[in-house]
Amino acid sequence: MGRIADSLRANLREVAKSDARSLKEMDAELRSATQFSGTPQLTQSKKVKALLGQGSWNQTNKTLQELCKKNGIKGFWNLNKSGLVALLKKNGVTPPPKPIEQLLKKELVSLVKELLGM
């Protein structure tokens, strides 16, 4: 029984060493990838928002209600979509960009190409 336990311990040590080596290699690759570009490429939120284009009032009621809450507008809970839109416009709120889930494939492809500089 002692030899089996020693053998298992030795195997576990080897596995731990190989895992540590793999993690160090991945860390080095990630560091070199971010050093190449200076900063990660997909953190340009202003550029992404600009690429998404002008805002659209074609949003869900929940999204419109969140906009009202975020902008400190009161008395919106009983309003339907057109009422929410009218209230937001009256208070000078600009519409948010079209949700990414609603973009067409063609729009998504052009967005990704623009982000990658292609």
N, C-alpha and C. Protein backbone atom coordinates (compact mmCIF):
# COMPACT_ATOMS: atom_id res chain seq x y z
N MET A 1 0.82 -1.18 0.00
CA MET A 1 0.00 0.00 0.00
C MET A 1 0.87 1.25 0.00
N GLY A 2 2.01 1.24 0.64
CA GLY A 2 2.91 2.39 0.70
C GLY A 2 3.45 2.76 -0.67
N ARG A 3 3.77 1.73 -1.49
CA ARG A 3 4.31 2.02 -2.82
C ARG A 3 3.25 2.65 -3.72
N ILE A 4 2.01 2.21 -3.58
CA ILE A 4 0.93 2.77 -4.40
C ILE A 4 0.72 4.24 -4.05
N ALA A 5 0.71 4.55 -2.75
CA ALA A 5 0.53 5.93 -2.31
C ALA A 5 1.68 6.80 -2.79
N ASP A 6 2.92 6.29 -2.70
CA ASP A 6 4.08 7.04 -3.18
C ASP A 6 4.00 7.27 -4.69
N SER A 7 3.56 6.26 -5.40
CA SER A 7 3.42 6.38 -6.85
C SER A 7 2.36 7.42 -7.22
N LEU A 8 1.24 7.40 -6.50
CA LEU A 8 0.19 8.39 -6.74
C LEU A 8 0.67 9.80 -6.43
N ARG A 9 1.40 9.97 -5.35
CA ARG A 9 1.94 11.29 -5.00
C ARG A 9 2.89 11.79 -6.08
N ALA A 10 3.73 10.91 -6.58
CA ALA A 10 4.68 11.29 -7.63
C ALA A 10 3.93 11.71 -8.90
N ASN A 11 2.90 10.95 -9.24
CA ASN A 11 2.11 11.31 -10.43
C ASN A 11 1.41 12.66 -10.25
N LEU A 12 0.86 12.89 -9.07
CA LEU A 12 0.20 14.16 -8.82
C LEU A 12 1.17 15.34 -8.90
N ARG A 13 2.40 15.14 -8.41
CA ARG A 13 3.41 16.19 -8.50
C ARG A 13 3.72 16.52 -9.96
N GLU A 14 3.85 15.49 -10.78
CA GLU A 14 4.14 15.70 -12.20
C GLU A 14 2.99 16.43 -12.90
N VAL A 15 1.77 16.05 -12.58
CA VAL A 15 0.60 16.72 -13.17
C VAL A 15 0.59 18.18 -12.75
N ALA A 16 0.84 18.45 -11.49
CA ALA A 16 0.84 19.82 -10.99
C ALA A 16 1.92 20.65 -11.68
N LYS A 17 3.09 20.09 -11.88
CA LYS A 17 4.17 20.80 -12.56
C LYS A 17 3.81 21.10 -14.01
N SER A 18 3.22 20.12 -14.70
CA SER A 18 2.86 20.34 -16.11
C SER A 18 1.75 21.37 -16.23
N ASP A 19 0.78 21.37 -15.30
CA ASP A 19 -0.28 22.38 -15.31
C ASP A 19 0.31 23.77 -15.07
N ALA A 20 1.23 23.88 -14.15
CA ALA A 20 1.86 25.16 -13.85
C ALA A 20 2.62 25.67 -15.07
N ARG A 21 3.33 24.76 -15.76
CA ARG A 21 4.05 25.16 -16.97
C ARG A 21 3.08 25.65 -18.04
N SER A 22 1.98 24.96 -18.22
CA SER A 22 0.99 25.35 -19.23
C SER A 22 0.40 26.72 -18.91
N LEU A 23 0.07 26.93 -17.64
CA LEU A 23 -0.48 28.21 -17.24
C LEU A 23 0.52 29.35 -17.45
N LYS A 24 1.79 29.11 -17.15
CA LYS A 24 2.81 30.14 -17.36
C LYS A 24 2.95 30.46 -18.84
N GLU A 25 2.91 29.44 -19.69
CA GLU A 25 3.01 29.66 -21.13
C GLU A 25 1.83 30.47 -21.64
N MET A 26 0.61 30.13 -21.19
CA MET A 26 -0.57 30.88 -21.62
C MET A 26 -0.49 32.33 -21.15
N ASP A 27 -0.03 32.53 -19.92
CA ASP A 27 0.10 33.88 -19.38
C ASP A 27 1.08 34.69 -20.21
N ALA A 28 2.19 34.08 -20.58
CA ALA A 28 3.19 34.77 -21.39
C ALA A 28 2.62 35.13 -22.77
N GLU A 29 1.87 34.22 -23.37
CA GLU A 29 1.27 34.50 -24.67
C GLU A 29 0.26 35.65 -24.59
N LEU A 30 -0.56 35.64 -23.53
CA LEU A 30 -1.53 36.72 -23.36
C LEU A 30 -0.86 38.06 -23.15
N ARG A 31 0.20 38.07 -22.35
CA ARG A 31 0.93 39.31 -22.11
C ARG A 31 1.55 39.85 -23.39
N SER A 32 2.13 38.96 -24.18
CA SER A 32 2.74 39.43 -25.43
C SER A 32 1.69 39.91 -26.42
N ALA A 33 0.52 39.30 -26.41
CA ALA A 33 -0.55 39.73 -27.32
C ALA A 33 -1.05 41.12 -26.95
N THR A 34 -1.19 41.41 -25.65
CA THR A 34 -1.66 42.74 -25.25
C THR A 34 -0.56 43.78 -25.39
N GLN A 35 0.70 43.40 -25.25
CA GLN A 35 1.79 44.34 -25.43
C GLN A 35 1.93 44.74 -26.89
N PHE A 36 1.60 43.84 -27.80
CA PHE A 36 1.70 44.13 -29.22
C PHE A 36 0.79 45.28 -29.61
N SER A 37 -0.43 45.26 -29.12
CA SER A 37 -1.39 46.29 -29.51
C SER A 37 -1.44 47.45 -28.51
N GLY A 38 -0.76 47.32 -27.40
CA GLY A 38 -0.80 48.37 -26.40
C GLY A 38 -1.95 48.18 -25.43
N THR A 39 -3.15 48.08 -25.96
CA THR A 39 -4.33 47.84 -25.13
C THR A 39 -5.21 46.85 -25.88
N PRO A 40 -6.06 46.15 -25.17
CA PRO A 40 -6.97 45.25 -25.87
C PRO A 40 -7.84 46.02 -26.85
N GLN A 41 -8.10 45.43 -27.99
CA GLN A 41 -8.78 46.11 -29.08
C GLN A 41 -10.26 46.37 -28.83
N LEU A 42 -10.93 45.55 -28.06
CA LEU A 42 -12.37 45.67 -27.95
C LEU A 42 -12.83 46.54 -26.78
N THR A 43 -11.95 47.39 -26.24
CA THR A 43 -12.35 48.26 -25.16
C THR A 43 -12.69 49.66 -25.65
N GLN A 44 -12.87 49.83 -26.94
CA GLN A 44 -13.15 51.14 -27.51
C GLN A 44 -14.65 51.37 -27.54
N SER A 45 -15.25 51.56 -26.37
CA SER A 45 -16.71 51.64 -26.28
C SER A 45 -17.28 52.83 -27.05
N LYS A 46 -16.57 53.95 -27.07
CA LYS A 46 -17.08 55.11 -27.81
C LYS A 46 -17.14 54.80 -29.29
N LYS A 47 -16.12 54.13 -29.80
CA LYS A 47 -16.08 53.77 -31.22
C LYS A 47 -17.20 52.79 -31.54
N VAL A 48 -17.43 51.83 -30.66
CA VAL A 48 -18.49 50.85 -30.88
C VAL A 48 -19.84 51.55 -30.89
N LYS A 49 -20.08 52.46 -29.95
CA LYS A 49 -21.35 53.18 -29.92
C LYS A 49 -21.55 53.99 -31.19
N ALA A 50 -20.47 54.59 -31.68
CA ALA A 50 -20.58 55.36 -32.92
C ALA A 50 -20.89 54.44 -34.10
N LEU A 51 -20.32 53.26 -34.10
CA LEU A 51 -20.58 52.32 -35.18
C LEU A 51 -22.00 51.80 -35.16
N LEU A 52 -22.60 51.72 -33.99
CA LEU A 52 -23.97 51.23 -33.90
C LEU A 52 -24.96 52.23 -34.49
N GLY A 53 -24.53 53.46 -34.67
CA GLY A 53 -25.37 54.44 -35.34
C GLY A 53 -26.29 55.19 -34.41
N GLN A 54 -27.21 55.91 -35.05
CA GLN A 54 -28.17 56.71 -34.30
C GLN A 54 -29.09 55.81 -33.48
N GLY A 55 -29.60 56.37 -32.44
CA GLY A 55 -30.49 55.61 -31.58
C GLY A 55 -31.82 55.30 -32.24
N SER A 56 -32.51 54.38 -31.64
CA SER A 56 -33.81 53.97 -32.16
C SER A 56 -34.78 53.84 -30.99
N TRP A 57 -35.99 54.30 -31.20
CA TRP A 57 -37.02 54.14 -30.18
C TRP A 57 -37.66 52.77 -30.26
N ASN A 58 -37.20 51.93 -31.17
CA ASN A 58 -37.72 50.58 -31.31
C ASN A 58 -37.09 49.69 -30.23
N GLN A 59 -37.52 49.91 -28.99
CA GLN A 59 -36.99 49.21 -27.83
C GLN A 59 -38.15 48.52 -27.10
N THR A 60 -37.80 47.65 -26.19
CA THR A 60 -38.84 47.00 -25.38
C THR A 60 -39.34 47.99 -24.33
N ASN A 61 -40.53 47.72 -23.81
CA ASN A 61 -41.09 48.58 -22.75
C ASN A 61 -40.15 48.62 -21.55
N LYS A 62 -39.59 47.48 -21.22
CA LYS A 62 -38.68 47.42 -20.06
C LYS A 62 -37.47 48.33 -20.26
N THR A 63 -36.92 48.33 -21.46
CA THR A 63 -35.77 49.19 -21.76
C THR A 63 -36.17 50.66 -21.65
N LEU A 64 -37.33 50.99 -22.18
CA LEU A 64 -37.79 52.37 -22.12
C LEU A 64 -38.06 52.80 -20.67
N GLN A 65 -38.61 51.89 -19.88
CA GLN A 65 -38.85 52.19 -18.46
C GLN A 65 -37.52 52.39 -17.73
N GLU A 66 -36.52 51.59 -18.06
CA GLU A 66 -35.20 51.75 -17.45
C GLU A 66 -34.60 53.10 -17.81
N LEU A 67 -34.82 53.54 -19.06
CA LEU A 67 -34.34 54.86 -19.48
C LEU A 67 -35.01 55.96 -18.65
N CYS A 68 -36.31 55.80 -18.43
CA CYS A 68 -37.02 56.78 -17.60
C CYS A 68 -36.44 56.82 -16.19
N LYS A 69 -36.23 55.64 -15.62
CA LYS A 69 -35.68 55.56 -14.27
C LYS A 69 -34.29 56.19 -14.21
N LYS A 70 -33.48 55.85 -15.19
CA LYS A 70 -32.09 56.33 -15.25
C LYS A 70 -32.03 57.85 -15.37
N ASN A 71 -33.01 58.44 -16.05
CA ASN A 71 -33.02 59.89 -16.25
C ASN A 71 -33.89 60.64 -15.24
N GLY A 72 -34.36 59.94 -14.21
CA GLY A 72 -35.10 60.59 -13.13
C GLY A 72 -36.50 61.05 -13.51
N ILE A 73 -37.09 60.39 -14.49
CA ILE A 73 -38.45 60.75 -14.92
C ILE A 73 -39.43 59.94 -14.08
N LYS A 74 -40.47 60.61 -13.61
CA LYS A 74 -41.46 59.93 -12.76
C LYS A 74 -42.78 59.77 -13.50
N GLY A 75 -43.61 58.85 -13.02
CA GLY A 75 -44.95 58.67 -13.55
C GLY A 75 -45.00 57.94 -14.88
N PHE A 76 -44.15 56.98 -15.05
CA PHE A 76 -44.09 56.28 -16.34
C PHE A 76 -44.57 54.84 -16.28
N TRP A 77 -44.83 54.31 -15.09
CA TRP A 77 -45.11 52.88 -14.94
C TRP A 77 -46.39 52.43 -15.65
N ASN A 78 -47.38 53.28 -15.76
CA ASN A 78 -48.66 52.88 -16.37
C ASN A 78 -48.74 53.22 -17.86
N LEU A 79 -47.66 53.73 -18.44
CA LEU A 79 -47.68 54.14 -19.84
C LEU A 79 -47.36 52.96 -20.77
N ASN A 80 -47.96 53.02 -21.96
CA ASN A 80 -47.61 52.02 -22.97
C ASN A 80 -46.37 52.53 -23.73
N LYS A 81 -45.96 51.78 -24.74
CA LYS A 81 -44.72 52.10 -25.45
C LYS A 81 -44.76 53.50 -26.06
N SER A 82 -45.84 53.85 -26.74
CA SER A 82 -45.89 55.18 -27.37
C SER A 82 -45.89 56.28 -26.31
N GLY A 83 -46.52 56.05 -25.18
CA GLY A 83 -46.49 57.02 -24.09
C GLY A 83 -45.10 57.18 -23.50
N LEU A 84 -44.41 56.06 -23.35
CA LEU A 84 -43.03 56.12 -22.84
C LEU A 84 -42.12 56.89 -23.79
N VAL A 85 -42.27 56.62 -25.08
CA VAL A 85 -41.44 57.31 -26.09
C VAL A 85 -41.73 58.81 -26.04
N ALA A 86 -43.01 59.18 -25.99
CA ALA A 86 -43.39 60.59 -25.94
C ALA A 86 -42.82 61.26 -24.69
N LEU A 87 -42.90 60.59 -23.55
CA LEU A 87 -42.39 61.14 -22.30
C LEU A 87 -40.87 61.32 -22.36
N LEU A 88 -40.17 60.34 -22.92
CA LEU A 88 -38.72 60.43 -23.04
C LEU A 88 -38.33 61.57 -23.98
N LYS A 89 -39.02 61.69 -25.10
CA LYS A 89 -38.72 62.78 -26.04
C LYS A 89 -38.98 64.14 -25.39
N LYS A 90 -40.09 64.25 -24.64
CA LYS A 90 -40.46 65.49 -23.97
C LYS A 90 -39.37 65.93 -22.99
N ASN A 91 -38.71 64.94 -22.36
CA ASN A 91 -37.66 65.24 -21.38
C ASN A 91 -36.27 65.32 -22.01
N GLY A 92 -36.20 65.29 -23.33
CA GLY A 92 -34.93 65.48 -24.03
C GLY A 92 -33.98 64.30 -23.98
N VAL A 93 -34.49 63.10 -23.76
CA VAL A 93 -33.65 61.91 -23.72
C VAL A 93 -33.42 61.41 -25.14
N THR A 94 -32.17 61.13 -25.46
CA THR A 94 -31.87 60.59 -26.79
C THR A 94 -32.06 59.08 -26.78
N PRO A 95 -32.54 58.53 -27.88
CA PRO A 95 -32.78 57.08 -27.91
C PRO A 95 -31.48 56.29 -27.90
N PRO A 96 -31.48 55.14 -27.25
CA PRO A 96 -30.28 54.31 -27.24
C PRO A 96 -30.10 53.65 -28.60
N PRO A 97 -28.88 53.17 -28.89
CA PRO A 97 -28.67 52.48 -30.16
C PRO A 97 -29.49 51.20 -30.23
N LYS A 98 -29.69 50.73 -31.43
CA LYS A 98 -30.44 49.50 -31.66
C LYS A 98 -29.74 48.36 -30.91
N PRO A 99 -30.50 47.52 -30.20
CA PRO A 99 -29.86 46.40 -29.49
C PRO A 99 -29.12 45.49 -30.46
N ILE A 100 -27.98 44.99 -30.03
CA ILE A 100 -27.15 44.14 -30.87
C ILE A 100 -27.93 42.92 -31.34
N GLU A 101 -28.82 42.42 -30.49
CA GLU A 101 -29.61 41.24 -30.84
C GLU A 101 -30.51 41.49 -32.04
N GLN A 102 -30.85 42.75 -32.31
CA GLN A 102 -31.75 43.08 -33.40
C GLN A 102 -31.01 43.45 -34.68
N LEU A 103 -29.67 43.48 -34.65
CA LEU A 103 -28.91 43.81 -35.85
C LEU A 103 -28.97 42.67 -36.85
N LEU A 104 -28.98 43.02 -38.10
CA LEU A 104 -28.94 42.03 -39.17
C LEU A 104 -27.54 41.47 -39.30
N LYS A 105 -27.42 40.30 -39.90
CA LYS A 105 -26.11 39.66 -40.07
C LYS A 105 -25.17 40.59 -40.83
N LYS A 106 -25.69 41.25 -41.86
CA LYS A 106 -24.88 42.16 -42.67
C LYS A 106 -24.34 43.31 -41.81
N GLU A 107 -25.17 43.84 -40.91
CA GLU A 107 -24.75 44.92 -40.03
C GLU A 107 -23.70 44.44 -39.03
N LEU A 108 -23.87 43.23 -38.51
CA LEU A 108 -22.90 42.67 -37.56
C LEU A 108 -21.55 42.45 -38.23
N VAL A 109 -21.57 41.93 -39.44
CA VAL A 109 -20.31 41.68 -40.17
C VAL A 109 -19.58 42.99 -40.41
N SER A 110 -20.29 44.02 -40.84
CA SER A 110 -19.63 45.31 -41.09
C SER A 110 -19.12 45.91 -39.79
N LEU A 111 -19.83 45.73 -38.70
CA LEU A 111 -19.39 46.22 -37.39
C LEU A 111 -18.10 45.54 -36.95
N VAL A 112 -18.04 44.22 -37.10
CA VAL A 112 -16.84 43.48 -36.70
C VAL A 112 -15.67 43.86 -37.60
N LYS A 113 -15.91 44.00 -38.90
CA LYS A 113 -14.82 44.41 -39.82
C LYS A 113 -14.29 45.78 -39.44
N GLU A 114 -15.17 46.68 -39.10
CA GLU A 114 -14.75 48.03 -38.71
C GLU A 114 -13.93 47.99 -37.42
N LEU A 115 -14.35 47.18 -36.46
CA LEU A 115 -13.62 47.07 -35.19
C LEU A 115 -12.24 46.48 -35.39
N LEU A 116 -12.14 45.53 -36.31
CA LEU A 116 -10.86 44.87 -36.55
C LEU A 116 -10.00 45.63 -37.55
N GLY A 117 -10.55 46.70 -38.12
CA GLY A 117 -9.80 47.50 -39.07
C GLY A 117 -9.60 46.82 -40.41
N MET A 118 -10.56 46.08 -40.84
CA MET A 118 -10.45 45.36 -42.10
C MET A 118 -11.09 46.15 -43.23
